[in-house]
All heavy atoms as atom14 arrays in JSON, in Angstrom:
{
  "sequence": "CANFLEKLVSEHHLALFATTQMLMQKSANSAESFF",
  "atom14_mask": [
    [1, 1, 1, 1, 1, 1, 0, 0, 0, 0, 0, 0, 0, 0],
    [1, 1, 1, 1, 1, 0, 0, 0, 0, 0, 0, 0, 0, 0],
    [1, 1, 1, 1, 1, 1, 1, 1, 0, 0, 0, 0, 0, 0],
    [1, 1, 1, 1, 1, 1, 1, 1, 1, 1, 1, 0, 0, 0],
    [1, 1, 1, 1, 1, 1, 1, 1, 0, 0, 0, 0, 0, 0],
    [1, 1, 1, 1, 1, 1, 1, 1, 1, 0, 0, 0, 0, 0],
    [1, 1, 1, 1, 1, 1, 1, 1, 1, 0, 0, 0, 0, 0],
    [1, 1, 1, 1, 1, 1, 1, 1, 0, 0, 0, 0, 0, 0],
    [1, 1, 1, 1, 1, 1, 1, 0, 0, 0, 0, 0, 0, 0],
    [1, 1, 1, 1, 1, 1, 0, 0, 0, 0, 0, 0, 0, 0],
    [1, 1, 1, 1, 1, 1, 1, 1, 1, 0, 0, 0, 0, 0],
    [1, 1, 1, 1, 1, 1, 1, 1, 1, 1, 0, 0, 0, 0],
    [1, 1, 1, 1, 1, 1, 1, 1, 1, 1, 0, 0, 0, 0],
    [1, 1, 1, 1, 1, 1, 1, 1, 0, 0, 0, 0, 0, 0],
    [1, 1, 1, 1, 1, 0, 0, 0, 0, 0, 0, 0, 0, 0],
    [1, 1, 1, 1, 1, 1, 1, 1, 0, 0, 0, 0, 0, 0],
    [1, 1, 1, 1, 1, 1, 1, 1, 1, 1, 1, 0, 0, 0],
    [1, 1, 1, 1, 1, 0, 0, 0, 0, 0, 0, 0, 0, 0],
    [1, 1, 1, 1, 1, 1, 1, 0, 0, 0, 0, 0, 0, 0],
    [1, 1, 1, 1, 1, 1, 1, 0, 0, 0, 0, 0, 0, 0],
    [1, 1, 1, 1, 1, 1, 1, 1, 1, 0, 0, 0, 0, 0],
    [1, 1, 1, 1, 1, 1, 1, 1, 0, 0, 0, 0, 0, 0],
    [1, 1, 1, 1, 1, 1, 1, 1, 0, 0, 0, 0, 0, 0],
    [1, 1, 1, 1, 1, 1, 1, 1, 0, 0, 0, 0, 0, 0],
    [1, 1, 1, 1, 1, 1, 1, 1, 1, 0, 0, 0, 0, 0],
    [1, 1, 1, 1, 1, 1, 1, 1, 1, 0, 0, 0, 0, 0],
    [1, 1, 1, 1, 1, 1, 0, 0, 0, 0, 0, 0, 0, 0],
    [1, 1, 1, 1, 1, 0, 0, 0, 0, 0, 0, 0, 0, 0],
    [1, 1, 1, 1, 1, 1, 1, 1, 0, 0, 0, 0, 0, 0],
    [1, 1, 1, 1, 1, 1, 0, 0, 0, 0, 0, 0, 0, 0],
    [1, 1, 1, 1, 1, 0, 0, 0, 0, 0, 0, 0, 0, 0],
    [1, 1, 1, 1, 1, 1, 1, 1, 1, 0, 0, 0, 0, 0],
    [1, 1, 1, 1, 1, 1, 0, 0, 0, 0, 0, 0, 0, 0],
    [1, 1, 1, 1, 1, 1, 1, 1, 1, 1, 1, 0, 0, 0],
    [1, 1, 1, 1, 1, 1, 1, 1, 1, 1, 1, 0, 0, 0]
  ],
  "atom14_positions": [
    [[0.84, -1.24, 0.0], [-0.02, -0.02, -0.01], [0.84, 1.28, 0.01], [0.59, 2.17, -0.76], [-0.94, 0.02, 1.21], [-2.31, -1.16, 1.13], [0.0, 0.0, 0.0], [0.0, 0.0, 0.0], [0.0, 0.0, 0.0], [0.0, 0.0, 0.0], [0.0, 0.0, 0.0], [0.0, 0.0, 0.0], [0.0, 0.0, 0.0], [0.0, 0.0, 0.0]],
    [[1.89, 1.3, 0.87], [2.77, 2.48, 0.98], [3.53, 2.69, -0.4], [3.61, 3.86, -0.84], [3.75, 2.25, 2.06], [0.0, 0.0, 0.0], [0.0, 0.0, 0.0], [0.0, 0.0, 0.0], [0.0, 0.0, 0.0], [0.0, 0.0, 0.0], [0.0, 0.0, 0.0], [0.0, 0.0, 0.0], [0.0, 0.0, 0.0], [0.0, 0.0, 0.0]],
    [[4.01, 1.6, -0.96], [4.76, 1.77, -2.2], [3.84, 2.28, -3.29], [4.25, 3.1, -4.15], [5.37, 0.43, -2.61], [6.51, 0.02, -1.72], [7.09, 0.85, -1.07], [6.79, -1.25, -1.64], [0.0, 0.0, 0.0], [0.0, 0.0, 0.0], [0.0, 0.0, 0.0], [0.0, 0.0, 0.0], [0.0, 0.0, 0.0], [0.0, 0.0, 0.0]],
    [[2.58, 1.78, -3.34], [1.67, 2.25, -4.44], [1.2, 3.7, -4.14], [0.99, 4.46, -5.09], [0.52, 1.27, -4.59], [-0.19, 1.46, -5.89], [0.35, 0.98, -7.06], [-1.46, 2.1, -5.95], [-0.33, 1.21, -8.3], [-2.13, 2.31, -7.11], [-1.57, 1.83, -8.31], [0.0, 0.0, 0.0], [0.0, 0.0, 0.0], [0.0, 0.0, 0.0]],
    [[1.02, 4.04, -2.87], [0.61, 5.38, -2.51], [1.75, 6.36, -2.99], [1.43, 7.44, -3.51], [0.39, 5.51, -1.01], [-0.91, 5.05, -0.5], [-0.88, 4.95, 1.04], [-2.01, 5.97, -0.9], [0.0, 0.0, 0.0], [0.0, 0.0, 0.0], [0.0, 0.0, 0.0], [0.0, 0.0, 0.0], [0.0, 0.0, 0.0], [0.0, 0.0, 0.0]],
    [[2.99, 5.97, -2.74], [4.1, 6.77, -3.15], [4.09, 7.0, -4.73], [4.38, 8.1, -5.19], [5.38, 6.16, -2.72], [6.64, 7.06, -2.95], [7.84, 6.51, -2.24], [7.98, 5.3, -2.12], [8.78, 7.36, -1.89], [0.0, 0.0, 0.0], [0.0, 0.0, 0.0], [0.0, 0.0, 0.0], [0.0, 0.0, 0.0], [0.0, 0.0, 0.0]],
    [[3.77, 5.96, -5.4], [3.65, 6.02, -6.88], [2.51, 6.95, -7.28], [2.7, 7.86, -8.15], [3.45, 4.64, -7.41], [3.24, 4.58, -8.95], [2.99, 3.12, -9.38], [2.83, 2.93, -10.92], [1.53, 3.54, -11.4], [0.0, 0.0, 0.0], [0.0, 0.0, 0.0], [0.0, 0.0, 0.0], [0.0, 0.0, 0.0], [0.0, 0.0, 0.0]],
    [[1.38, 6.82, -6.64], [0.27, 7.73, -6.98], [0.61, 9.16, -6.72], [0.32, 10.06, -7.56], [-0.99, 7.32, -6.15], [-1.73, 6.05, -6.57], [-2.85, 5.78, -5.57], [-2.34, 6.12, -7.93], [0.0, 0.0, 0.0], [0.0, 0.0, 0.0], [0.0, 0.0, 0.0], [0.0, 0.0, 0.0], [0.0, 0.0, 0.0], [0.0, 0.0, 0.0]],
    [[1.09, 9.44, -5.56], [1.44, 10.83, -5.17], [2.45, 11.44, -6.11], [2.31, 12.59, -6.52], [2.0, 10.85, -3.69], [2.62, 12.2, -3.37], [0.84, 10.54, -2.71], [0.0, 0.0, 0.0], [0.0, 0.0, 0.0], [0.0, 0.0, 0.0], [0.0, 0.0, 0.0], [0.0, 0.0, 0.0], [0.0, 0.0, 0.0], [0.0, 0.0, 0.0]],
    [[3.46, 10.66, -6.5], [4.53, 11.16, -7.36], [4.06, 11.36, -8.83], [4.21, 12.43, -9.38], [5.71, 10.18, -7.28], [6.65, 10.62, -8.24], [0.0, 0.0, 0.0], [0.0, 0.0, 0.0], [0.0, 0.0, 0.0], [0.0, 0.0, 0.0], [0.0, 0.0, 0.0], [0.0, 0.0, 0.0], [0.0, 0.0, 0.0], [0.0, 0.0, 0.0]],
    [[3.37, 10.31, -9.34], [3.11, 10.4, -10.74], [1.89, 11.31, -11.06], [1.77, 11.86, -12.16], [2.75, 9.02, -11.28], [3.96, 8.07, -11.36], [3.66, 6.7, -12.0], [2.53, 6.53, -12.46], [4.61, 5.91, -12.08], [0.0, 0.0, 0.0], [0.0, 0.0, 0.0], [0.0, 0.0, 0.0], [0.0, 0.0, 0.0], [0.0, 0.0, 0.0]],
    [[0.98, 11.48, -10.11], [-0.22, 12.26, -10.37], [-0.28, 13.6, -9.6], [-1.31, 14.25, -9.58], [-1.47, 11.4, -9.98], [-1.6, 10.12, -10.8], [-2.04, 10.13, -12.09], [-1.29, 8.87, -10.52], [-2.0, 8.93, -12.56], [-1.6, 8.06, -11.62], [0.0, 0.0, 0.0], [0.0, 0.0, 0.0], [0.0, 0.0, 0.0], [0.0, 0.0, 0.0]],
    [[0.89, 13.93, -9.09], [1.07, 15.27, -8.45], [-0.03, 15.52, -7.36], [-0.73, 16.52, -7.39], [1.01, 16.39, -9.52], [2.22, 16.46, -10.35], [2.72, 17.56, -10.9], [3.01, 15.45, -10.79], [3.79, 17.33, -11.65], [4.03, 16.01, -11.55], [0.0, 0.0, 0.0], [0.0, 0.0, 0.0], [0.0, 0.0, 0.0], [0.0, 0.0, 0.0]],
    [[-0.11, 14.58, -6.41], [-1.1, 14.67, -5.35], [-0.46, 15.08, -4.07], [0.77, 15.07, -3.88], [-1.77, 13.31, -5.13], [-2.34, 12.56, -6.34], [-2.78, 11.23, -5.96], [-3.4, 13.4, -6.99], [0.0, 0.0, 0.0], [0.0, 0.0, 0.0], [0.0, 0.0, 0.0], [0.0, 0.0, 0.0], [0.0, 0.0, 0.0], [0.0, 0.0, 0.0]],
    [[-1.29, 15.47, -3.11], [-0.86, 15.63, -1.7], [-1.6, 14.55, -0.93], [-2.8, 14.33, -1.16], [-1.13, 16.97, -1.15], [0.0, 0.0, 0.0], [0.0, 0.0, 0.0], [0.0, 0.0, 0.0], [0.0, 0.0, 0.0], [0.0, 0.0, 0.0], [0.0, 0.0, 0.0], [0.0, 0.0, 0.0], [0.0, 0.0, 0.0], [0.0, 0.0, 0.0]],
    [[-0.99, 13.85, -0.04], [-1.6, 12.75, 0.72], [-1.62, 13.14, 2.25], [-0.58, 13.46, 2.78], [-0.8, 11.47, 0.55], [-1.14, 10.29, 1.42], [-2.59, 9.85, 1.28], [-0.17, 9.13, 1.26], [0.0, 0.0, 0.0], [0.0, 0.0, 0.0], [0.0, 0.0, 0.0], [0.0, 0.0, 0.0], [0.0, 0.0, 0.0], [0.0, 0.0, 0.0]],
    [[-2.82, 13.0, 2.88], [-2.97, 13.17, 4.3], [-3.4, 11.79, 4.79], [-4.39, 11.18, 4.29], [-3.99, 14.21, 4.63], [-3.53, 15.61, 4.53], [-3.55, 16.24, 3.25], [-3.13, 16.35, 5.59], [-3.13, 17.52, 3.12], [-2.75, 17.66, 5.46], [-2.74, 18.27, 4.24], [0.0, 0.0, 0.0], [0.0, 0.0, 0.0], [0.0, 0.0, 0.0]],
    [[-2.75, 11.3, 5.83], [-3.12, 10.01, 6.39], [-2.98, 10.09, 7.97], [-2.1, 10.73, 8.48], [-2.22, 8.85, 5.91], [0.0, 0.0, 0.0], [0.0, 0.0, 0.0], [0.0, 0.0, 0.0], [0.0, 0.0, 0.0], [0.0, 0.0, 0.0], [0.0, 0.0, 0.0], [0.0, 0.0, 0.0], [0.0, 0.0, 0.0], [0.0, 0.0, 0.0]],
    [[-3.93, 9.53, 8.62], [-3.9, 9.48, 10.1], [-3.33, 8.15, 10.61], [-3.5, 7.11, 9.97], [-5.29, 9.71, 10.72], [-6.16, 8.62, 10.33], [-5.94, 10.98, 10.25], [0.0, 0.0, 0.0], [0.0, 0.0, 0.0], [0.0, 0.0, 0.0], [0.0, 0.0, 0.0], [0.0, 0.0, 0.0], [0.0, 0.0, 0.0], [0.0, 0.0, 0.0]],
    [[-2.66, 8.24, 11.77], [-2.2, 7.02, 12.43], [-2.57, 7.11, 13.9], [-2.59, 8.24, 14.51], [-0.67, 6.83, 12.35], [-0.02, 8.01, 12.88], [-0.26, 6.66, 10.9], [0.0, 0.0, 0.0], [0.0, 0.0, 0.0], [0.0, 0.0, 0.0], [0.0, 0.0, 0.0], [0.0, 0.0, 0.0], [0.0, 0.0, 0.0], [0.0, 0.0, 0.0]],
    [[-2.94, 5.98, 14.46], [-3.35, 5.96, 15.87], [-2.14, 5.8, 16.74], [-1.12, 5.23, 16.3], [-4.35, 4.78, 16.1], [-5.58, 4.88, 15.26], [-6.23, 3.52, 14.96], [-5.57, 2.5, 15.14], [-7.49, 3.53, 14.64], [0.0, 0.0, 0.0], [0.0, 0.0, 0.0], [0.0, 0.0, 0.0], [0.0, 0.0, 0.0], [0.0, 0.0, 0.0]],
    [[-2.23, 6.19, 17.97], [-1.12, 6.06, 18.92], [-1.21, 4.68, 19.56], [-1.83, 4.54, 20.65], [-1.12, 7.16, 19.98], [0.22, 7.28, 20.7], [0.34, 8.78, 21.75], [-0.76, 8.3, 23.07], [0.0, 0.0, 0.0], [0.0, 0.0, 0.0], [0.0, 0.0, 0.0], [0.0, 0.0, 0.0], [0.0, 0.0, 0.0], [0.0, 0.0, 0.0]],
    [[-0.61, 3.66, 18.9], [-0.68, 2.33, 19.39], [0.46, 1.92, 20.27], [0.34, 0.98, 21.01], [-0.83, 1.33, 18.21], [-2.01, 1.53, 17.28], [-1.93, 0.52, 16.16], [-3.3, 1.5, 17.97], [0.0, 0.0, 0.0], [0.0, 0.0, 0.0], [0.0, 0.0, 0.0], [0.0, 0.0, 0.0], [0.0, 0.0, 0.0], [0.0, 0.0, 0.0]],
    [[1.6, 2.63, 20.12], [2.82, 2.31, 20.8], [3.29, 3.46, 21.66], [3.14, 4.61, 21.34], [3.93, 1.92, 19.8], [3.58, 0.79, 18.84], [3.58, -0.77, 19.78], [3.26, -1.93, 18.44], [0.0, 0.0, 0.0], [0.0, 0.0, 0.0], [0.0, 0.0, 0.0], [0.0, 0.0, 0.0], [0.0, 0.0, 0.0], [0.0, 0.0, 0.0]],
    [[3.92, 3.1, 22.82], [4.49, 4.1, 23.66], [6.04, 4.22, 23.33], [6.63, 3.25, 22.95], [4.33, 3.72, 25.16], [2.92, 3.62, 25.59], [2.17, 4.97, 25.49], [2.74, 5.98, 25.86], [0.95, 4.92, 24.94], [0.0, 0.0, 0.0], [0.0, 0.0, 0.0], [0.0, 0.0, 0.0], [0.0, 0.0, 0.0], [0.0, 0.0, 0.0]],
    [[6.5, 5.4, 23.55], [7.93, 5.64, 23.2], [8.85, 4.91, 24.14], [8.6, 4.93, 25.37], [8.21, 7.19, 23.25], [9.64, 7.53, 22.86], [9.77, 9.04, 22.72], [9.47, 9.79, 24.04], [9.69, 11.24, 23.86], [0.0, 0.0, 0.0], [0.0, 0.0, 0.0], [0.0, 0.0, 0.0], [0.0, 0.0, 0.0], [0.0, 0.0, 0.0]],
    [[9.87, 4.27, 23.6], [10.86, 3.62, 24.44], [12.2, 4.41, 24.34], [12.32, 5.32, 23.49], [11.08, 2.21, 24.03], [11.59, 2.1, 22.7], [0.0, 0.0, 0.0], [0.0, 0.0, 0.0], [0.0, 0.0, 0.0], [0.0, 0.0, 0.0], [0.0, 0.0, 0.0], [0.0, 0.0, 0.0], [0.0, 0.0, 0.0], [0.0, 0.0, 0.0]],
    [[13.16, 4.01, 25.13], [14.43, 4.76, 25.21], [15.17, 4.82, 23.88], [15.81, 5.8, 23.53], [15.32, 4.18, 26.24], [0.0, 0.0, 0.0], [0.0, 0.0, 0.0], [0.0, 0.0, 0.0], [0.0, 0.0, 0.0], [0.0, 0.0, 0.0], [0.0, 0.0, 0.0], [0.0, 0.0, 0.0], [0.0, 0.0, 0.0], [0.0, 0.0, 0.0]],
    [[15.07, 3.76, 23.06], [15.87, 3.68, 21.85], [15.0, 3.84, 20.59], [15.43, 3.51, 19.5], [16.58, 2.32, 21.79], [17.54, 2.11, 22.92], [18.26, 3.1, 23.31], [17.62, 0.88, 23.48], [0.0, 0.0, 0.0], [0.0, 0.0, 0.0], [0.0, 0.0, 0.0], [0.0, 0.0, 0.0], [0.0, 0.0, 0.0], [0.0, 0.0, 0.0]],
    [[13.76, 4.3, 20.74], [12.9, 4.38, 19.61], [12.97, 5.67, 18.84], [13.45, 6.66, 19.34], [11.41, 4.22, 20.05], [11.02, 5.36, 20.76], [0.0, 0.0, 0.0], [0.0, 0.0, 0.0], [0.0, 0.0, 0.0], [0.0, 0.0, 0.0], [0.0, 0.0, 0.0], [0.0, 0.0, 0.0], [0.0, 0.0, 0.0], [0.0, 0.0, 0.0]],
    [[12.52, 5.63, 17.59], [12.24, 6.87, 16.74], [13.48, 7.53, 16.22], [13.31, 8.45, 15.43], [11.39, 7.87, 17.53], [0.0, 0.0, 0.0], [0.0, 0.0, 0.0], [0.0, 0.0, 0.0], [0.0, 0.0, 0.0], [0.0, 0.0, 0.0], [0.0, 0.0, 0.0], [0.0, 0.0, 0.0], [0.0, 0.0, 0.0], [0.0, 0.0, 0.0]],
    [[14.66, 7.15, 16.59], [15.81, 7.99, 16.18], [16.07, 7.86, 14.65], [16.43, 8.84, 14.06], [17.07, 7.44, 16.9], [16.97, 7.5, 18.45], [16.66, 8.92, 18.96], [17.04, 9.9, 18.28], [16.06, 9.05, 19.99], [0.0, 0.0, 0.0], [0.0, 0.0, 0.0], [0.0, 0.0, 0.0], [0.0, 0.0, 0.0], [0.0, 0.0, 0.0]],
    [[15.75, 6.73, 14.05], [16.1, 6.59, 12.63], [15.1, 7.31, 11.76], [15.44, 7.69, 10.6], [16.12, 5.12, 12.22], [14.9, 4.5, 12.52], [0.0, 0.0, 0.0], [0.0, 0.0, 0.0], [0.0, 0.0, 0.0], [0.0, 0.0, 0.0], [0.0, 0.0, 0.0], [0.0, 0.0, 0.0], [0.0, 0.0, 0.0], [0.0, 0.0, 0.0]],
    [[13.89, 7.54, 12.26], [12.82, 8.2, 11.43], [12.46, 9.54, 11.97], [11.64, 10.27, 11.39], [11.62, 7.29, 11.29], [11.96, 5.98, 10.71], [11.83, 4.84, 11.45], [12.28, 5.88, 9.35], [12.13, 3.6, 10.91], [12.52, 4.65, 8.78], [12.49, 3.49, 9.56], [0.0, 0.0, 0.0], [0.0, 0.0, 0.0], [0.0, 0.0, 0.0]],
    [[13.01, 9.95, 13.06], [12.61, 11.21, 13.7], [13.84, 11.9, 14.18], [14.5, 11.51, 15.12], [11.68, 10.9, 14.9], [10.79, 11.97, 15.25], [9.9, 12.55, 14.34], [10.78, 12.53, 16.56], [9.04, 13.57, 14.73], [9.95, 13.54, 16.93], [9.08, 14.08, 16.02], [0.0, 0.0, 0.0], [0.0, 0.0, 0.0], [0.0, 0.0, 0.0]]
  ]
}
């Protein structure tokens, strides 16, 4: 889904808004690679 969404957004000049739920709590070693 993510790969195809990226294709749609890029090829068709779209903006994408998506929501995510807070399912996980932050740990000491989390989020550094993406945040």
